N, C-alpha and C. Protein backbone atom coordinates (compact mmCIF):
# COMPACT_ATOMS: atom_id res chain seq x y z
N MET A 1 -18.49 -42.20 -11.57
CA MET A 1 -19.25 -41.59 -10.63
C MET A 1 -18.96 -39.92 -11.18
N THR A 2 -19.89 -39.24 -11.40
CA THR A 2 -19.93 -37.64 -11.57
C THR A 2 -20.11 -37.00 -10.38
N LEU A 3 -19.34 -36.17 -10.25
CA LEU A 3 -19.18 -35.18 -9.04
C LEU A 3 -19.48 -33.54 -9.41
N HIS A 4 -20.00 -33.09 -8.50
CA HIS A 4 -19.77 -31.68 -8.73
C HIS A 4 -18.75 -30.60 -7.73
N ALA A 5 -18.18 -29.75 -7.69
CA ALA A 5 -17.54 -28.62 -7.25
C ALA A 5 -17.94 -27.24 -7.73
N HIS A 6 -18.84 -26.61 -6.41
CA HIS A 6 -18.88 -25.40 -6.52
C HIS A 6 -18.12 -24.41 -5.64
N GLY A 7 -18.08 -22.91 -6.19
CA GLY A 7 -17.46 -22.09 -5.52
C GLY A 7 -17.27 -20.96 -6.37
N THR A 8 -16.34 -20.07 -5.40
CA THR A 8 -16.25 -18.89 -6.01
C THR A 8 -14.78 -18.22 -6.45
N PHE A 9 -14.07 -17.37 -7.15
CA PHE A 9 -12.70 -17.22 -7.49
C PHE A 9 -12.40 -15.97 -7.68
N THR A 10 -11.65 -15.39 -7.37
CA THR A 10 -10.75 -14.30 -8.33
C THR A 10 -10.02 -14.51 -9.40
N VAL A 11 -9.94 -13.24 -9.78
CA VAL A 11 -9.34 -13.36 -11.55
C VAL A 11 -8.39 -12.16 -11.28
N GLN A 12 -7.22 -12.34 -11.94
CA GLN A 12 -6.34 -10.94 -12.22
C GLN A 12 -6.13 -11.21 -13.97
N LEU A 13 -6.12 -10.54 -14.55
CA LEU A 13 -5.73 -10.25 -15.94
C LEU A 13 -4.78 -9.80 -16.07
N THR A 14 -3.54 -9.66 -16.63
CA THR A 14 -2.57 -8.57 -16.76
C THR A 14 -2.22 -8.57 -17.90
N PRO A 15 -2.19 -7.42 -18.73
CA PRO A 15 -1.53 -7.76 -20.46
C PRO A 15 -0.34 -7.44 -20.76
N GLN A 16 0.14 -8.49 -21.12
CA GLN A 16 1.82 -8.84 -21.70
C GLN A 16 1.49 -8.40 -23.17
N PRO A 17 2.95 -8.20 -23.69
CA PRO A 17 3.22 -8.12 -25.49
C PRO A 17 2.88 -9.49 -25.53
N LEU A 18 2.53 -9.45 -27.30
CA LEU A 18 2.29 -10.29 -28.04
C LEU A 18 4.02 -10.67 -28.59
N ALA A 19 3.98 -11.75 -28.82
CA ALA A 19 5.36 -11.91 -29.62
C ALA A 19 5.59 -11.52 -30.87
N ASP A 20 4.96 -10.90 -31.50
CA ASP A 20 5.12 -9.90 -32.66
C ASP A 20 4.85 -8.84 -32.20
N PRO A 21 5.35 -8.28 -32.40
CA PRO A 21 5.34 -6.22 -32.00
C PRO A 21 4.39 -5.70 -33.31
N ASN A 22 4.59 -6.20 -34.03
CA ASN A 22 3.79 -5.44 -35.05
C ASN A 22 1.91 -6.10 -35.50
N ALA A 23 1.92 -6.84 -34.36
CA ALA A 23 0.59 -7.82 -34.20
C ALA A 23 -0.69 -6.84 -34.66
N ASP A 24 -1.72 -7.37 -35.42
CA ASP A 24 -2.57 -6.27 -35.69
C ASP A 24 -3.04 -6.11 -33.69
N SER A 25 -3.75 -5.15 -33.74
CA SER A 25 -4.12 -4.26 -32.34
C SER A 25 -5.52 -4.83 -31.74
N LEU A 26 -6.08 -5.50 -32.83
CA LEU A 26 -7.28 -6.04 -32.55
C LEU A 26 -6.89 -7.81 -31.36
N LEU A 27 -5.46 -8.41 -31.98
CA LEU A 27 -4.95 -9.20 -30.82
C LEU A 27 -4.54 -8.61 -29.01
N GLY A 28 -4.34 -10.00 -28.64
CA GLY A 28 -4.08 -9.39 -27.37
C GLY A 28 -3.51 -11.13 -26.18
N ARG A 29 -2.74 -10.40 -25.37
CA ARG A 29 -2.59 -11.53 -24.71
C ARG A 29 -2.42 -11.25 -23.52
N LEU A 30 -2.73 -12.30 -22.47
CA LEU A 30 -2.81 -11.53 -20.97
C LEU A 30 -2.07 -12.68 -20.28
N ALA A 31 -1.87 -12.35 -19.26
CA ALA A 31 -1.20 -13.34 -17.78
C ALA A 31 -2.35 -13.48 -16.98
N ILE A 32 -2.84 -14.56 -17.16
CA ILE A 32 -4.29 -14.92 -15.65
C ILE A 32 -3.43 -15.52 -14.46
N ALA A 33 -4.20 -15.05 -13.41
CA ALA A 33 -3.74 -15.26 -12.00
C ALA A 33 -5.19 -15.73 -11.30
N LYS A 34 -5.57 -16.96 -10.34
CA LYS A 34 -6.51 -17.06 -10.08
C LYS A 34 -6.41 -17.68 -8.48
N GLU A 35 -7.47 -16.93 -7.53
CA GLU A 35 -7.23 -17.86 -6.30
C GLU A 35 -8.88 -18.47 -6.31
N PHE A 36 -8.64 -19.59 -5.67
CA PHE A 36 -10.31 -20.18 -5.71
C PHE A 36 -10.42 -20.67 -4.49
N GLN A 37 -11.95 -20.34 -4.28
CA GLN A 37 -12.44 -20.51 -2.61
C GLN A 37 -13.68 -21.44 -2.84
N GLY A 38 -14.13 -22.71 -1.54
CA GLY A 38 -14.90 -23.27 -1.77
C GLY A 38 -14.41 -25.04 -1.96
N ASP A 39 -15.38 -25.26 -2.78
CA ASP A 39 -14.46 -26.96 -2.95
C ASP A 39 -13.43 -27.24 -3.73
N ILE A 40 -13.27 -26.25 -4.16
CA ILE A 40 -11.86 -26.27 -4.94
C ILE A 40 -10.88 -24.95 -3.99
N THR A 41 -10.16 -24.86 -3.69
CA THR A 41 -9.38 -24.41 -3.07
C THR A 41 -7.69 -24.58 -3.73
N GLY A 42 -7.18 -23.38 -4.04
CA GLY A 42 -6.33 -22.89 -4.63
C GLY A 42 -5.40 -21.65 -5.54
N VAL A 43 -4.58 -21.76 -6.60
CA VAL A 43 -4.71 -21.01 -6.97
C VAL A 43 -4.05 -21.52 -8.60
N SER A 44 -4.74 -20.68 -9.31
CA SER A 44 -4.26 -21.07 -10.88
C SER A 44 -3.27 -19.83 -11.46
N TYR A 45 -2.24 -20.24 -12.81
CA TYR A 45 -1.43 -19.33 -13.47
C TYR A 45 -1.53 -19.91 -14.44
N GLY A 46 -1.97 -18.82 -15.98
CA GLY A 46 -1.60 -19.25 -17.21
C GLY A 46 -1.79 -17.87 -18.13
N GLU A 47 -2.26 -18.50 -19.17
CA GLU A 47 -2.37 -17.58 -20.44
C GLU A 47 -3.00 -17.49 -21.31
N MET A 48 -3.54 -16.00 -21.91
CA MET A 48 -4.68 -16.22 -22.37
C MET A 48 -4.32 -15.24 -23.68
N LEU A 49 -4.63 -16.00 -24.91
CA LEU A 49 -4.96 -15.25 -26.48
C LEU A 49 -6.18 -14.56 -27.15
N SER A 50 -6.37 -13.71 -27.05
CA SER A 50 -7.58 -12.66 -27.68
C SER A 50 -7.67 -12.65 -28.91
N ALA A 51 -9.29 -12.23 -29.53
CA ALA A 51 -8.99 -11.40 -30.91
C ALA A 51 -10.23 -11.05 -30.76
N ARG A 52 -10.07 -9.66 -30.68
CA ARG A 52 -11.40 -8.83 -30.87
C ARG A 52 -11.69 -8.80 -33.07
N SER A 53 -13.30 -8.56 -32.81
CA SER A 53 -13.42 -8.01 -34.26
C SER A 53 -13.86 -6.87 -34.30
N ALA A 54 -14.05 -6.33 -35.57
CA ALA A 54 -14.41 -5.17 -36.06
C ALA A 54 -15.94 -5.04 -35.26
N VAL A 55 -16.82 -6.20 -35.27
CA VAL A 55 -18.02 -6.19 -34.85
C VAL A 55 -18.20 -5.72 -33.69
N GLU A 56 -18.92 -4.95 -32.93
CA GLU A 56 -19.36 -4.25 -31.92
C GLU A 56 -19.50 -5.94 -30.80
N GLY A 57 -18.89 -6.66 -29.97
CA GLY A 57 -19.56 -7.62 -29.45
C GLY A 57 -19.44 -9.16 -29.65
N SER A 58 -18.02 -8.88 -30.61
CA SER A 58 -17.73 -10.32 -31.25
C SER A 58 -16.12 -10.37 -31.17
N ALA A 59 -15.79 -11.16 -30.76
CA ALA A 59 -14.50 -11.90 -30.04
C ALA A 59 -14.34 -13.56 -29.68
N GLY A 60 -12.86 -13.51 -29.69
CA GLY A 60 -12.41 -15.28 -29.48
C GLY A 60 -11.37 -14.88 -28.44
N TYR A 61 -11.39 -16.05 -27.60
CA TYR A 61 -10.00 -16.31 -26.67
C TYR A 61 -9.90 -17.78 -26.28
N VAL A 62 -8.31 -18.19 -26.51
CA VAL A 62 -8.12 -19.51 -25.82
C VAL A 62 -7.17 -19.27 -24.62
N ALA A 63 -7.58 -20.10 -24.19
CA ALA A 63 -6.48 -19.65 -22.68
C ALA A 63 -6.22 -21.44 -22.25
N ILE A 64 -4.92 -21.30 -21.23
CA ILE A 64 -4.37 -22.51 -21.01
C ILE A 64 -4.17 -21.89 -19.13
N GLU A 65 -4.46 -22.95 -18.15
CA GLU A 65 -3.91 -22.66 -16.61
C GLU A 65 -3.53 -23.44 -16.12
N ARG A 66 -3.06 -23.63 -15.41
CA ARG A 66 -2.45 -24.90 -14.22
C ARG A 66 -3.15 -24.49 -12.83
N PHE A 67 -3.90 -25.36 -12.12
CA PHE A 67 -4.42 -25.01 -10.91
C PHE A 67 -3.00 -25.89 -10.26
N THR A 68 -3.18 -25.73 -8.91
CA THR A 68 -2.19 -26.30 -7.85
C THR A 68 -3.14 -26.10 -6.63
N GLY A 69 -3.61 -27.09 -5.85
CA GLY A 69 -4.21 -26.78 -4.38
C GLY A 69 -5.26 -28.37 -4.06
N THR A 70 -6.45 -27.88 -3.59
CA THR A 70 -7.41 -29.13 -3.73
C THR A 70 -8.33 -28.89 -4.03
N LEU A 71 -9.17 -30.02 -4.29
CA LEU A 71 -10.65 -30.27 -4.73
C LEU A 71 -10.94 -31.67 -4.21
N HIS A 72 -12.15 -30.77 -3.00
CA HIS A 72 -12.83 -32.13 -2.30
C HIS A 72 -11.88 -32.71 -1.06
N GLY A 73 -10.71 -31.66 -0.55
CA GLY A 73 -9.70 -32.24 0.07
C GLY A 73 -8.58 -32.86 -0.49
N ARG A 74 -8.55 -33.34 -1.56
CA ARG A 74 -7.66 -34.53 -2.19
C ARG A 74 -6.64 -32.98 -2.99
N ARG A 75 -5.33 -33.51 -2.67
CA ARG A 75 -4.59 -32.31 -3.38
C ARG A 75 -3.74 -32.87 -4.59
N GLY A 76 -3.16 -31.62 -5.65
CA GLY A 76 -2.58 -32.01 -6.63
C GLY A 76 -2.90 -30.91 -7.42
N SER A 77 -2.31 -31.07 -9.02
CA SER A 77 -2.96 -29.94 -9.87
C SER A 77 -3.46 -30.50 -10.87
N PHE A 78 -3.82 -29.92 -11.79
CA PHE A 78 -4.12 -30.18 -13.10
C PHE A 78 -4.36 -28.95 -14.02
N VAL A 79 -4.73 -28.57 -15.37
CA VAL A 79 -4.73 -28.30 -16.66
C VAL A 79 -5.96 -27.88 -16.64
N LEU A 80 -6.56 -26.67 -17.19
CA LEU A 80 -8.09 -26.22 -17.41
C LEU A 80 -7.26 -25.57 -19.25
N GLN A 81 -8.35 -26.06 -20.20
CA GLN A 81 -8.24 -25.47 -21.18
C GLN A 81 -9.18 -24.52 -21.71
N HIS A 82 -9.26 -23.47 -22.13
CA HIS A 82 -10.70 -22.52 -22.66
C HIS A 82 -10.44 -22.19 -23.96
N SER A 83 -11.84 -22.83 -24.59
CA SER A 83 -11.67 -21.93 -25.81
C SER A 83 -13.67 -21.18 -25.58
N GLY A 84 -13.14 -19.55 -26.07
CA GLY A 84 -14.52 -19.13 -25.74
C GLY A 84 -14.81 -18.13 -26.99
N ALA A 85 -15.90 -17.93 -27.11
CA ALA A 85 -16.24 -16.66 -28.54
C ALA A 85 -17.42 -16.15 -28.14
N MET A 86 -17.44 -15.06 -28.74
CA MET A 86 -18.75 -14.06 -28.56
C MET A 86 -19.19 -13.56 -29.76
N THR A 87 -20.57 -14.02 -30.16
CA THR A 87 -21.31 -13.83 -31.50
C THR A 87 -22.08 -12.23 -31.06
N ARG A 88 -21.71 -10.94 -31.21
CA ARG A 88 -22.32 -9.71 -30.92
C ARG A 88 -23.40 -10.17 -29.31
N GLY A 89 -22.34 -10.54 -28.93
CA GLY A 89 -22.43 -10.49 -27.21
C GLY A 89 -23.04 -11.85 -26.87
N ALA A 90 -23.70 -12.82 -27.80
CA ALA A 90 -23.84 -13.92 -27.04
C ALA A 90 -22.59 -15.09 -27.04
N GLN A 91 -22.18 -15.76 -25.90
CA GLN A 91 -21.27 -16.14 -25.08
C GLN A 91 -21.16 -17.70 -25.50
N GLN A 92 -20.06 -18.11 -25.85
CA GLN A 92 -20.06 -19.43 -25.73
C GLN A 92 -18.65 -19.80 -25.44
N LEU A 93 -18.83 -20.88 -24.04
CA LEU A 93 -17.23 -21.12 -23.62
C LEU A 93 -17.31 -22.53 -22.85
N THR A 94 -16.25 -23.14 -23.69
CA THR A 94 -15.54 -24.43 -23.26
C THR A 94 -14.67 -24.16 -21.92
N ILE A 95 -15.02 -24.81 -21.09
CA ILE A 95 -13.44 -25.44 -20.36
C ILE A 95 -13.35 -26.68 -19.78
N SER A 96 -12.52 -27.41 -19.79
CA SER A 96 -11.91 -28.76 -20.16
C SER A 96 -10.75 -28.88 -18.87
N VAL A 97 -10.71 -29.86 -18.68
CA VAL A 97 -9.51 -30.44 -18.14
C VAL A 97 -8.49 -31.14 -19.52
N VAL A 98 -7.61 -30.98 -19.58
CA VAL A 98 -6.70 -31.33 -20.17
C VAL A 98 -6.54 -32.71 -19.92
N PRO A 99 -6.52 -33.66 -20.94
CA PRO A 99 -6.32 -35.53 -20.71
C PRO A 99 -4.97 -35.47 -19.99
N ASP A 100 -5.18 -36.37 -18.70
CA ASP A 100 -4.13 -36.77 -18.32
C ASP A 100 -3.03 -35.57 -17.97
N SER A 101 -3.65 -35.07 -17.32
CA SER A 101 -3.03 -33.48 -16.43
C SER A 101 -2.46 -33.44 -14.94
N GLY A 102 -3.57 -34.40 -14.75
CA GLY A 102 -3.99 -34.05 -13.21
C GLY A 102 -2.55 -34.70 -12.30
N THR A 103 -2.24 -34.70 -10.94
CA THR A 103 -1.09 -34.92 -10.63
C THR A 103 -1.52 -35.45 -9.24
N ASP A 104 -0.77 -36.33 -8.60
CA ASP A 104 -0.80 -36.42 -7.22
C ASP A 104 -2.23 -36.93 -6.77
N GLU A 105 -3.31 -36.87 -5.89
CA GLU A 105 -4.16 -37.14 -5.45
C GLU A 105 -5.27 -36.95 -6.44
N LEU A 106 -4.72 -36.10 -7.57
CA LEU A 106 -5.64 -35.80 -8.67
C LEU A 106 -5.54 -36.13 -10.26
N GLU A 107 -4.73 -37.13 -10.18
CA GLU A 107 -4.58 -38.36 -11.12
C GLU A 107 -5.73 -38.89 -11.82
N GLY A 108 -5.72 -38.88 -13.15
CA GLY A 108 -6.48 -39.55 -13.22
C GLY A 108 -8.03 -38.47 -13.66
N LEU A 109 -7.83 -37.39 -13.33
CA LEU A 109 -9.27 -36.29 -13.33
C LEU A 109 -9.45 -35.68 -14.60
N THR A 110 -10.67 -35.97 -14.95
CA THR A 110 -11.57 -35.63 -16.16
C THR A 110 -12.42 -34.37 -15.67
N GLY A 111 -13.07 -33.50 -16.49
CA GLY A 111 -14.49 -32.74 -15.90
C GLY A 111 -14.68 -31.31 -17.45
N THR A 112 -15.38 -30.81 -16.94
CA THR A 112 -15.51 -29.91 -17.64
C THR A 112 -16.36 -28.57 -16.55
N MET A 113 -15.83 -27.07 -16.18
CA MET A 113 -15.91 -26.51 -15.36
C MET A 113 -16.89 -25.11 -16.24
N ASN A 114 -17.82 -24.98 -15.49
CA ASN A 114 -18.92 -23.87 -15.84
C ASN A 114 -18.39 -22.23 -15.28
N LEU A 115 -18.94 -20.98 -15.51
CA LEU A 115 -18.65 -19.85 -15.14
C LEU A 115 -19.49 -19.23 -15.05
N GLN A 116 -20.27 -18.40 -13.97
CA GLN A 116 -20.85 -17.51 -13.72
C GLN A 116 -20.37 -16.54 -13.40
N ILE A 117 -21.04 -15.04 -13.59
CA ILE A 117 -20.27 -13.83 -13.20
C ILE A 117 -21.66 -12.76 -12.79
N ALA A 118 -21.95 -12.57 -11.42
CA ALA A 118 -23.00 -11.90 -10.96
C ALA A 118 -22.70 -10.57 -10.14
N ASP A 119 -22.85 -9.72 -10.30
CA ASP A 119 -22.59 -8.89 -9.78
C ASP A 119 -21.18 -8.19 -9.17
N GLY A 120 -20.45 -8.71 -10.22
CA GLY A 120 -19.00 -8.92 -9.90
C GLY A 120 -18.29 -9.95 -9.41
N VAL A 121 -19.05 -10.95 -9.27
CA VAL A 121 -18.61 -11.95 -8.54
C VAL A 121 -18.27 -13.12 -9.33
N HIS A 122 -17.09 -13.89 -9.05
CA HIS A 122 -17.15 -15.22 -10.45
C HIS A 122 -17.18 -16.28 -9.62
N ALA A 123 -18.19 -17.46 -9.68
CA ALA A 123 -18.52 -18.45 -9.93
C ALA A 123 -18.42 -19.62 -10.58
N TYR A 124 -17.91 -21.00 -10.11
CA TYR A 124 -17.51 -22.25 -11.04
C TYR A 124 -18.73 -23.10 -10.70
N ASP A 125 -18.60 -24.28 -11.25
CA ASP A 125 -19.40 -25.11 -10.85
C ASP A 125 -18.14 -26.07 -12.04
N PHE A 126 -18.36 -27.05 -11.11
CA PHE A 126 -17.07 -28.11 -11.96
C PHE A 126 -17.38 -29.49 -11.97
N ILE A 127 -17.98 -30.33 -12.82
CA ILE A 127 -18.02 -31.33 -13.20
C ILE A 127 -17.29 -32.16 -13.32
N PHE A 128 -17.45 -33.44 -12.71
CA PHE A 128 -16.06 -34.12 -12.89
C PHE A 128 -15.99 -35.38 -12.76
N THR A 129 -15.37 -36.55 -13.24
CA THR A 129 -14.92 -37.86 -12.61
C THR A 129 -13.33 -37.92 -12.44
N GLN A 130 -13.18 -39.03 -11.67
CA GLN A 130 -11.69 -39.24 -11.28
C GLN A 130 -11.55 -41.41 -11.47
N ALA A 131 -10.56 -41.10 -12.10
CA ALA A 131 -10.15 -42.60 -12.59
C ALA A 131 -9.25 -42.81 -10.99
N THR A 132 -9.56 -44.01 -10.56
CA THR A 132 -9.08 -44.61 -9.42
C THR A 132 -7.88 -45.31 -9.58
N SER A 133 -7.00 -45.51 -8.62
CA SER A 133 -5.96 -46.19 -9.30
C SER A 133 -6.01 -47.52 -9.99
N HIS A 134 -6.92 -48.46 -9.83
CA HIS A 134 -7.20 -49.81 -10.87
C HIS A 134 -8.21 -49.47 -12.38
N ASP A 135 -8.60 -47.75 -12.18
CA ASP A 135 -9.01 -47.71 -13.73
C ASP A 135 -7.93 -47.29 -14.60
N THR A 136 -6.65 -47.02 -14.00
CA THR A 136 -5.92 -46.72 -15.10
C THR A 136 -5.04 -47.63 -15.41
N PRO A 137 -4.88 -47.55 -17.18
CA PRO A 137 -4.49 -48.72 -17.50
C PRO A 137 -2.52 -48.62 -16.98
N PRO A 138 -2.11 -49.67 -16.72
CA PRO A 138 -0.62 -50.01 -16.55
C PRO A 138 0.44 -49.16 -17.00
């Protein structure tokens, strides 16, 4: 059965040095810290790598973050993988749960997350399913 979780989150992005100190200035690395409210409550931490292009409004990023907290009251953690691109201002973003990354009561979790930003408020819509213990192969 497909379920939904809705709410808001705050995010703090902190610039970090790249592994290569001579890397192109269009490349970037950021530490991610988020706090979720709503159907998902808890925190996530991760890293983002980004690249801007010489064309205004065109860029790309990838990120990995581990969430720890509760989803509809079920406690555990899971990892989200981001892949985003912007082509002259038109955005495309995919955020999905890394397979088999759910722990504790979130074991077997799969899903995708959509984000909306309006008036500086970050909101999420998480569409997910969760295997039960009898759905999980031995």
